[in-house]
Amino acid sequence: MHPKTLCSDFAKMGSPIVLDGDDLYIENPENIYHELERLAKSYKRRIIKHLQGDYSIKDHALYQTIDKIVDYMSGCSNKAINDWLYKDYESVDKIMTLLKMFYENGWKKFDEPVVNFETPGTDRLSQEIFDRAMSHFKGA
């Protein structure tokens, strides 16, 4: 989910997400369900980048692609990813390494987004995986 969408939706409910230094808080949290607060916390890193003006369309494309790959590896069906990985074993290896890095960074609940477990190292590997995926899907 794009952090801009989250921020906009929260503001419409009367509970804008506000940047406070390197942290976030939700104004008027009584206006939202607890589940929505948990959702915002699960995307904290990306929301902070967005509110700091450091979240581009390119960043979103990369993160969205990695999120879809993580979902696929967690058992969600995705024919396009399946067909790509069937032909690209090196990407499978990189994805397995990336998942291990997320795990080592504390990602233990596999039904939660990986966003708060990203590091410069996972970002670099994610970029490599993204580039390979785009190369495959664009037929380069």
Protein backbone atom coordinates (compact mmCIF):
# COMPACT_ATOMS: atom_id res chain seq x y z
CA MET A 1 0.00 0.00 0.00
CA HIS A 2 1.31 3.43 -0.90
CA PRO A 3 2.03 5.50 2.23
CA LYS A 4 0.36 8.51 0.60
CA THR A 5 -2.90 6.52 0.50
CA LEU A 6 -2.58 5.57 4.17
CA CYS A 7 -1.91 9.17 5.20
CA SER A 8 -4.80 10.47 3.10
CA ASP A 9 -7.24 7.86 4.42
CA PHE A 10 -6.29 8.56 8.04
CA ALA A 11 -6.67 12.32 7.51
CA LYS A 12 -10.16 11.77 6.02
CA MET A 13 -11.11 9.94 9.23
CA GLY A 14 -9.95 12.93 11.29
CA SER A 15 -6.79 11.19 12.50
CA PRO A 16 -3.88 12.46 10.42
CA ILE A 17 -0.54 10.69 10.68
CA VAL A 18 2.06 13.21 11.83
CA LEU A 19 5.84 13.07 11.63
CA ASP A 20 7.53 13.90 14.94
CA GLY A 21 11.28 13.83 14.37
CA ASP A 22 12.04 10.27 13.33
CA ASP A 23 8.80 8.92 14.72
CA LEU A 24 5.10 9.00 13.91
CA TYR A 25 1.99 9.62 15.88
CA ILE A 26 -1.67 9.54 15.00
CA GLU A 27 -3.75 12.53 16.00
CA ASN A 28 -7.15 11.68 17.49
CA PRO A 29 -6.52 7.92 17.57
CA GLU A 30 -9.99 7.42 19.02
CA ASN A 31 -11.36 8.09 15.50
CA ILE A 32 -9.87 4.91 14.04
CA TYR A 33 -10.04 1.21 14.70
CA HIS A 34 -7.13 -0.43 16.48
CA GLU A 35 -6.53 -2.59 13.38
CA LEU A 36 -5.90 0.54 11.32
CA GLU A 37 -3.40 1.78 13.88
CA ARG A 38 -1.59 -1.57 13.60
CA LEU A 39 -1.63 -1.23 9.81
CA ALA A 40 0.01 2.20 10.03
CA LYS A 41 2.64 0.82 12.40
CA SER A 42 3.39 -2.03 10.00
CA TYR A 43 4.20 0.53 7.26
CA LYS A 44 5.97 2.98 9.59
CA ARG A 45 9.28 3.13 7.71
CA ARG A 46 7.64 3.92 4.37
CA ILE A 47 5.24 6.45 5.91
CA ILE A 48 8.19 8.29 7.48
CA LYS A 49 10.02 8.34 4.13
CA HIS A 50 6.86 9.66 2.44
CA LEU A 51 6.29 12.40 5.02
CA GLN A 52 9.96 13.41 4.74
CA GLY A 53 9.49 13.73 0.97
CA ASP A 54 11.88 10.86 0.32
CA TYR A 55 9.49 8.31 -1.22
CA SER A 56 9.37 8.28 -5.01
CA ILE A 57 7.25 6.48 -7.58
CA LYS A 58 10.33 4.38 -8.33
CA ASP A 59 10.64 3.46 -4.63
CA HIS A 60 6.99 2.44 -4.57
CA ALA A 61 7.37 0.24 -7.66
CA LEU A 62 10.34 -1.53 -6.07
CA TYR A 63 8.66 -2.04 -2.69
CA GLN A 64 5.37 -3.12 -4.24
CA THR A 65 7.20 -5.70 -6.35
CA ILE A 66 9.10 -7.07 -3.34
CA ASP A 67 5.85 -7.19 -1.34
CA LYS A 68 4.24 -9.26 -4.13
CA ILE A 69 7.25 -11.59 -4.23
CA VAL A 70 7.12 -12.04 -0.44
CA ASP A 71 3.39 -12.79 -0.69
CA TYR A 72 4.11 -15.33 -3.43
CA MET A 73 6.80 -17.00 -1.33
CA SER A 74 4.30 -17.10 1.56
CA GLY A 75 1.88 -19.15 -0.53
CA CYS A 76 -0.18 -16.59 -2.47
CA SER A 77 -0.68 -17.64 -6.06
CA ASN A 78 0.89 -15.42 -8.72
CA LYS A 79 1.29 -16.99 -12.15
CA ALA A 80 3.56 -14.25 -13.51
CA ILE A 81 6.02 -14.57 -10.62
CA ASN A 82 5.82 -18.35 -10.78
CA ASP A 83 6.67 -18.36 -14.50
CA TRP A 84 9.57 -15.93 -13.97
CA LEU A 85 11.12 -17.82 -11.05
CA TYR A 86 10.72 -21.14 -12.85
CA LYS A 87 13.16 -19.77 -15.44
CA ASP A 88 15.46 -17.74 -13.16
CA TYR A 89 17.09 -19.79 -10.42
CA GLU A 90 19.53 -17.01 -9.54
CA SER A 91 16.60 -14.78 -8.61
CA VAL A 92 15.15 -17.58 -6.47
CA ASP A 93 18.47 -17.73 -4.61
CA LYS A 94 18.50 -13.95 -4.13
CA ILE A 95 14.90 -14.01 -2.89
CA MET A 96 15.69 -16.76 -0.39
CA THR A 97 18.65 -14.70 0.84
CA LEU A 98 16.41 -11.63 1.13
CA LEU A 99 13.80 -13.55 3.14
CA LYS A 100 16.54 -14.82 5.44
CA MET A 101 17.79 -11.25 5.93
CA PHE A 102 14.29 -10.07 6.83
CA TYR A 103 14.00 -12.96 9.29
CA GLU A 104 17.35 -12.07 10.87
CA ASN A 105 16.13 -8.47 11.17
CA GLY A 106 13.15 -9.66 13.24
CA TRP A 107 10.47 -10.50 10.67
CA LYS A 108 8.88 -13.52 12.35
CA LYS A 109 5.16 -13.03 11.61
CA PHE A 110 5.01 -13.99 7.96
CA ASP A 111 1.55 -12.51 7.46
CA GLU A 112 2.91 -9.02 8.27
CA PRO A 113 4.63 -6.68 5.81
CA VAL A 114 8.43 -6.74 5.72
CA VAL A 115 8.70 -2.95 5.60
CA ASN A 116 9.90 -2.41 9.18
CA PHE A 117 12.60 -5.04 8.72
CA GLU A 118 14.22 -3.41 5.70
CA THR A 119 17.80 -2.20 5.99
CA PRO A 120 20.28 -0.72 3.51
CA GLY A 121 21.41 -4.31 2.86
CA THR A 122 17.92 -5.59 2.12
CA ASP A 123 17.27 -2.49 0.01
CA ARG A 124 20.33 -3.26 -2.16
CA LEU A 125 19.32 -6.89 -2.62
CA SER A 126 15.70 -5.86 -3.26
CA GLN A 127 16.93 -3.54 -6.02
CA GLU A 128 18.87 -6.41 -7.62
CA ILE A 129 15.79 -8.64 -7.50
CA PHE A 130 13.58 -5.85 -8.84
CA ASP A 131 15.99 -5.23 -11.74
CA ARG A 132 15.98 -8.93 -12.63
CA ALA A 133 12.18 -9.05 -12.44
CA MET A 134 11.79 -5.98 -14.66
CA SER A 135 14.29 -7.40 -17.12
CA HIS A 136 12.24 -10.59 -17.33
CA PHE A 137 8.83 -8.92 -17.56
CA LYS A 138 9.96 -6.34 -20.10
CA GLY A 139 11.58 -9.06 -22.18
CA ALA A 140 15.05 -7.51 -22.11
